[in-house]
Amino acid sequence: MQSLGHLTLGGLQQIVALKSVLNHGLSAQLKAAFPNLPTLTKPVYLPSLVALHPFWVSGFITGDGSFHVSISPKNYVLPAMTIQSYDRELLLLKKIHEFFGFGGIYISGNKVDYKVAKFSYLLSLISHFNSYPVGGLKLYNYNIWVEILELISWATISFNCRRFC
């Protein structure tokens, strides 16, 4: 930026060309404004054969994962953990799926999700994140999510005890 190259037409074209390979690419308006940009291609991601490190997985989930709860139309509480990405990250999400050994991969158009929703698997995630915590604001959200899971667990125990004890 100190060379001020971004203030020239060539510098602007280079910036727009680089933007074309980011997640959302170029808008129709930018494509129309810069029809003769050089074609850049993003390299294909090939995950390493080395096992994922648990702290790396937690860090990735800190950035790209979400801990969420939805309520079904019949008032069922449905907690889940999801990592949402683009289809070019499919191999990485499969590797994370292999790392945990549970959950599922869901593809819709160019979007790919790794999702864990089964309650026993969510409890396994808690065990993982107790040893390898998420960071930043995600930790605050994670702690609320865990509290909800604990409430569900206690409610299930109380309900089953009322019915069968």
C-alpha atoms as a PDB file:
ATOM      1  CA  MET A   1       0.000   0.000   0.000  1.00  0.00           C
ATOM      2  CA  GLN A   2       2.928   2.327   0.501  1.00  0.00           C
ATOM      3  CA  SER A   3       3.631   2.171  -3.244  1.00  0.00           C
ATOM      4  CA  LEU A   4       0.059   3.410  -3.834  1.00  0.00           C
ATOM      5  CA  GLY A   5      -0.313   0.831  -6.617  1.00  0.00           C
ATOM      6  CA  HIS A   6      -3.926   0.277  -5.579  1.00  0.00           C
ATOM      7  CA  LEU A   7      -4.700   3.803  -6.794  1.00  0.00           C
ATOM      8  CA  THR A   8      -3.797   2.959 -10.399  1.00  0.00           C
ATOM      9  CA  LEU A   9      -6.063   1.221 -12.936  1.00  0.00           C
ATOM     10  CA  GLY A  10      -3.631  -1.707 -13.108  1.00  0.00           C
ATOM     11  CA  GLY A  11      -3.568  -1.999  -9.319  1.00  0.00           C
ATOM     12  CA  LEU A  12      -7.359  -1.892  -9.114  1.00  0.00           C
ATOM     13  CA  GLN A  13      -7.615  -4.582 -11.796  1.00  0.00           C
ATOM     14  CA  GLN A  14      -5.169  -6.751  -9.849  1.00  0.00           C
ATOM     15  CA  ILE A  15      -7.243  -6.340  -6.675  1.00  0.00           C
ATOM     16  CA  VAL A  16     -10.468  -7.263  -8.477  1.00  0.00           C
ATOM     17  CA  ALA A  17      -8.742 -10.275 -10.101  1.00  0.00           C
ATOM     18  CA  LEU A  18      -7.581 -11.464  -6.664  1.00  0.00           C
ATOM     19  CA  LYS A  19     -11.073 -10.948  -5.237  1.00  0.00           C
ATOM     20  CA  SER A  20     -12.438 -13.214  -7.969  1.00  0.00           C
ATOM     21  CA  VAL A  21     -10.937 -16.263  -6.228  1.00  0.00           C
ATOM     22  CA  LEU A  22     -12.282 -15.443  -2.753  1.00  0.00           C
ATOM     23  CA  ASN A  23     -15.352 -17.225  -1.334  1.00  0.00           C
ATOM     24  CA  HIS A  24     -18.108 -15.364  -3.158  1.00  0.00           C
ATOM     25  CA  GLY A  25     -16.155 -14.402  -6.263  1.00  0.00           C
ATOM     26  CA  LEU A  26     -17.208 -11.336  -8.212  1.00  0.00           C
ATOM     27  CA  SER A  27     -20.656  -9.816  -8.277  1.00  0.00           C
ATOM     28  CA  ALA A  28     -22.380  -9.395 -11.643  1.00  0.00           C
ATOM     29  CA  GLN A  29     -21.702  -5.671 -11.363  1.00  0.00           C
ATOM     30  CA  LEU A  30     -17.940  -6.183 -10.966  1.00  0.00           C
ATOM     31  CA  LYS A  31     -17.865  -8.742 -13.789  1.00  0.00           C
ATOM     32  CA  ALA A  32     -19.556  -6.201 -16.057  1.00  0.00           C
ATOM     33  CA  ALA A  33     -17.205  -3.400 -14.975  1.00  0.00           C
ATOM     34  CA  PHE A  34     -14.057  -5.544 -15.469  1.00  0.00           C
ATOM     35  CA  PRO A  35     -14.819  -7.928 -18.355  1.00  0.00           C
ATOM     36  CA  ASN A  36     -11.168  -8.511 -19.371  1.00  0.00           C
ATOM     37  CA  LEU A  37      -9.594  -9.533 -16.085  1.00  0.00           C
ATOM     38  CA  PRO A  38      -6.859 -12.155 -16.078  1.00  0.00           C
ATOM     39  CA  THR A  39      -8.196 -15.556 -15.036  1.00  0.00           C
ATOM     40  CA  LEU A  40      -6.961 -16.698 -11.649  1.00  0.00           C
ATOM     41  CA  THR A  41      -7.670 -20.150 -10.274  1.00  0.00           C
ATOM     42  CA  LYS A  42      -7.691 -21.128  -6.663  1.00  0.00           C
ATOM     43  CA  PRO A  43      -5.578 -24.203  -5.956  1.00  0.00           C
ATOM     44  CA  VAL A  44      -7.492 -27.334  -5.030  1.00  0.00           C
ATOM     45  CA  TYR A  45      -7.187 -28.157  -1.341  1.00  0.00           C
ATOM     46  CA  LEU A  46      -5.766 -31.593  -0.693  1.00  0.00           C
ATOM     47  CA  PRO A  47      -5.679 -32.486   2.983  1.00  0.00           C
ATOM     48  CA  SER A  48      -2.486 -33.923   4.346  1.00  0.00           C
ATOM     49  CA  LEU A  49      -2.299 -37.565   5.322  1.00  0.00           C
ATOM     50  CA  VAL A  50      -1.115 -36.469   8.767  1.00  0.00           C
ATOM     51  CA  ALA A  51      -3.774 -36.859  11.464  1.00  0.00           C
ATOM     52  CA  LEU A  52      -5.533 -33.666  12.491  1.00  0.00           C
ATOM     53  CA  HIS A  53      -4.354 -32.194  15.784  1.00  0.00           C
ATOM     54  CA  PRO A  54      -7.183 -31.792  18.327  1.00  0.00           C
ATOM     55  CA  PHE A  55      -6.247 -28.163  19.046  1.00  0.00           C
ATOM     56  CA  TRP A  56      -6.309 -27.430  15.296  1.00  0.00           C
ATOM     57  CA  VAL A  57      -9.794 -28.961  15.024  1.00  0.00           C
ATOM     58  CA  SER A  58     -11.034 -26.818  17.926  1.00  0.00           C
ATOM     59  CA  GLY A  59      -9.457 -23.746  16.347  1.00  0.00           C
ATOM     60  CA  PHE A  60     -11.102 -24.490  13.009  1.00  0.00           C
ATOM     61  CA  ILE A  61     -14.475 -24.899  14.725  1.00  0.00           C
ATOM     62  CA  THR A  62     -13.860 -21.621  16.568  1.00  0.00           C
ATOM     63  CA  GLY A  63     -13.634 -19.930  13.176  1.00  0.00           C
ATOM     64  CA  ASP A  64     -16.079 -21.857  11.001  1.00  0.00           C
ATOM     65  CA  GLY A  65     -18.305 -23.871  13.336  1.00  0.00           C
ATOM     66  CA  SER A  66     -21.475 -23.036  15.180  1.00  0.00           C
ATOM     67  CA  PHE A  67     -23.181 -24.393  18.263  1.00  0.00           C
ATOM     68  CA  HIS A  68     -26.895 -23.914  17.847  1.00  0.00           C
ATOM     69  CA  VAL A  69     -30.285 -24.954  19.122  1.00  0.00           C
ATOM     70  CA  SER A  70     -33.555 -24.934  17.256  1.00  0.00           C
ATOM     71  CA  ILE A  71     -37.085 -25.648  18.420  1.00  0.00           C
ATOM     72  CA  SER A  72     -39.214 -27.939  16.263  1.00  0.00           C
ATOM     73  CA  PRO A  73     -42.879 -27.174  15.491  1.00  0.00           C
ATOM     74  CA  LYS A  74     -43.779 -29.801  18.132  1.00  0.00           C
ATOM     75  CA  ASN A  75     -41.572 -27.989  20.691  1.00  0.00           C
ATOM     76  CA  TYR A  76     -38.684 -30.450  20.630  1.00  0.00           C
ATOM     77  CA  VAL A  77     -35.342 -28.880  21.490  1.00  0.00           C
ATOM     78  CA  LEU A  78     -32.815 -29.781  18.774  1.00  0.00           C
ATOM     79  CA  PRO A  79     -29.193 -28.928  19.625  1.00  0.00           C
ATOM     80  CA  ALA A  80     -26.425 -29.384  17.061  1.00  0.00           C
ATOM     81  CA  MET A  81     -22.904 -28.419  16.110  1.00  0.00           C
ATOM     82  CA  THR A  82     -22.319 -27.534  12.459  1.00  0.00           C
ATOM     83  CA  ILE A  83     -19.376 -26.514  10.320  1.00  0.00           C
ATOM     84  CA  GLN A  84     -20.556 -24.815   7.136  1.00  0.00           C
ATOM     85  CA  SER A  85     -18.283 -24.395   4.157  1.00  0.00           C
ATOM     86  CA  TYR A  86     -18.078 -24.567   0.383  1.00  0.00           C
ATOM     87  CA  ASP A  87     -17.783 -27.704  -1.720  1.00  0.00           C
ATOM     88  CA  ARG A  88     -14.070 -27.116  -2.266  1.00  0.00           C
ATOM     89  CA  GLU A  89     -13.615 -27.858   1.468  1.00  0.00           C
ATOM     90  CA  LEU A  90     -15.424 -31.208   1.258  1.00  0.00           C
ATOM     91  CA  LEU A  91     -12.230 -33.226   1.757  1.00  0.00           C
ATOM     92  CA  LEU A  92     -11.377 -31.231   4.881  1.00  0.00           C
ATOM     93  CA  LEU A  93     -14.856 -31.705   6.348  1.00  0.00           C
ATOM     94  CA  LYS A  94     -14.588 -35.432   5.622  1.00  0.00           C
ATOM     95  CA  LYS A  95     -11.292 -35.453   7.493  1.00  0.00           C
ATOM     96  CA  ILE A  96     -12.929 -33.727  10.482  1.00  0.00           C
ATOM     97  CA  HIS A  97     -15.757 -36.282  10.259  1.00  0.00           C
ATOM     98  CA  GLU A  98     -13.150 -39.066  10.401  1.00  0.00           C
ATOM     99  CA  PHE A  99     -11.419 -37.301  13.316  1.00  0.00           C
ATOM    100  CA  PHE A 100     -14.569 -37.398  15.454  1.00  0.00           C
ATOM    101  CA  GLY A 101     -15.938 -40.643  14.035  1.00  0.00           C
ATOM    102  CA  PHE A 102     -19.554 -39.455  14.054  1.00  0.00           C
ATOM    103  CA  GLY A 103     -21.887 -36.892  12.573  1.00  0.00           C
ATOM    104  CA  GLY A 104     -22.709 -36.454   8.920  1.00  0.00           C
ATOM    105  CA  ILE A 105     -21.716 -34.589   5.773  1.00  0.00           C
ATOM    106  CA  TYR A 106     -24.542 -32.799   3.948  1.00  0.00           C
ATOM    107  CA  ILE A 107     -24.183 -31.231   0.504  1.00  0.00           C
ATOM    108  CA  SER A 108     -26.571 -28.668  -0.979  1.00  0.00           C
ATOM    109  CA  GLY A 109     -25.469 -26.953  -4.169  1.00  0.00           C
ATOM    110  CA  ASN A 110     -21.978 -25.580  -3.553  1.00  0.00           C
ATOM    111  CA  LYS A 111     -22.420 -25.611   0.259  1.00  0.00           C
ATOM    112  CA  VAL A 112     -21.192 -28.447   2.468  1.00  0.00           C
ATOM    113  CA  ASP A 113     -22.024 -28.975   6.139  1.00  0.00           C
ATOM    114  CA  TYR A 114     -20.556 -31.281   8.728  1.00  0.00           C
ATOM    115  CA  LYS A 115     -23.277 -31.665  11.357  1.00  0.00           C
ATOM    116  CA  VAL A 116     -23.527 -33.474  14.677  1.00  0.00           C
ATOM    117  CA  ALA A 117     -27.020 -33.658  16.186  1.00  0.00           C
ATOM    118  CA  LYS A 118     -27.303 -37.017  17.987  1.00  0.00           C
ATOM    119  CA  PHE A 119     -27.337 -36.292  21.706  1.00  0.00           C
ATOM    120  CA  SER A 120     -24.748 -38.926  22.693  1.00  0.00           C
ATOM    121  CA  TYR A 121     -22.379 -37.551  20.051  1.00  0.00           C
ATOM    122  CA  LEU A 122     -22.929 -34.010  21.299  1.00  0.00           C
ATOM    123  CA  LEU A 123     -21.839 -35.210  24.734  1.00  0.00           C
ATOM    124  CA  SER A 124     -18.674 -36.612  23.122  1.00  0.00           C
ATOM    125  CA  LEU A 125     -18.063 -33.175  21.615  1.00  0.00           C
ATOM    126  CA  ILE A 126     -18.273 -31.662  25.084  1.00  0.00           C
ATOM    127  CA  SER A 127     -15.581 -34.079  26.218  1.00  0.00           C
ATOM    128  CA  HIS A 128     -13.385 -33.002  23.288  1.00  0.00           C
ATOM    129  CA  PHE A 129     -13.920 -29.275  23.905  1.00  0.00           C
ATOM    130  CA  ASN A 130     -13.265 -29.661  27.639  1.00  0.00           C
ATOM    131  CA  SER A 131      -9.775 -30.899  26.712  1.00  0.00           C
ATOM    132  CA  TYR A 132      -9.271 -28.696  23.630  1.00  0.00           C
ATOM    133  CA  PRO A 133     -11.390 -25.575  24.132  1.00  0.00           C
ATOM    134  CA  VAL A 134     -12.705 -23.256  21.466  1.00  0.00           C
ATOM    135  CA  GLY A 135     -11.611 -19.655  21.795  1.00  0.00           C
ATOM    136  CA  GLY A 136     -12.860 -16.104  21.639  1.00  0.00           C
ATOM    137  CA  LEU A 137     -16.556 -15.275  21.617  1.00  0.00           C
ATOM    138  CA  LYS A 138     -17.249 -18.835  20.427  1.00  0.00           C
ATOM    139  CA  LEU A 139     -16.313 -20.032  23.944  1.00  0.00           C
ATOM    140  CA  TYR A 140     -19.090 -17.871  25.416  1.00  0.00           C
ATOM    141  CA  ASN A 141     -21.604 -19.311  22.923  1.00  0.00           C
ATOM    142  CA  TYR A 142     -20.290 -22.831  23.513  1.00  0.00           C
ATOM    143  CA  ASN A 143     -20.778 -22.495  27.297  1.00  0.00           C
ATOM    144  CA  ILE A 144     -24.417 -21.444  26.795  1.00  0.00           C
ATOM    145  CA  TRP A 145     -24.907 -24.376  24.399  1.00  0.00           C
ATOM    146  CA  VAL A 146     -23.465 -26.783  27.003  1.00  0.00           C
ATOM    147  CA  GLU A 147     -25.830 -25.368  29.625  1.00  0.00           C
ATOM    148  CA  ILE A 148     -28.752 -26.076  27.279  1.00  0.00           C
ATOM    149  CA  LEU A 149     -27.508 -29.646  26.739  1.00  0.00           C
ATOM    150  CA  GLU A 150     -27.282 -30.109  30.501  1.00  0.00           C
ATOM    151  CA  LEU A 151     -30.863 -28.878  30.900  1.00  0.00           C
ATOM    152  CA  ILE A 152     -32.021 -31.290  28.200  1.00  0.00           C
ATOM    153  CA  SER A 153     -30.151 -34.125  29.898  1.00  0.00           C
ATOM    154  CA  TRP A 154     -31.716 -33.377  33.288  1.00  0.00           C
ATOM    155  CA  ALA A 155     -35.163 -32.914  31.763  1.00  0.00           C
ATOM    156  CA  THR A 156     -34.855 -36.302  30.046  1.00  0.00           C
ATOM    157  CA  ILE A 157     -33.780 -37.997  33.269  1.00  0.00           C
ATOM    158  CA  SER A 158     -36.623 -36.365  35.226  1.00  0.00           C
ATOM    159  CA  PHE A 159     -39.192 -37.213  32.537  1.00  0.00           C
ATOM    160  CA  ASN A 160     -38.082 -40.858  32.313  1.00  0.00           C
ATOM    161  CA  CYS A 161     -38.018 -41.161  36.095  1.00  0.00           C
ATOM    162  CA  ARG A 162     -41.557 -39.785  36.381  1.00  0.00           C
ATOM    163  CA  ARG A 163     -42.713 -42.296  33.780  1.00  0.00           C
ATOM    164  CA  PHE A 164     -40.743 -45.375  34.810  1.00  0.00           C
ATOM    165  CA  CYS A 165     -39.538 -45.003  38.422  1.00  0.00           C
END
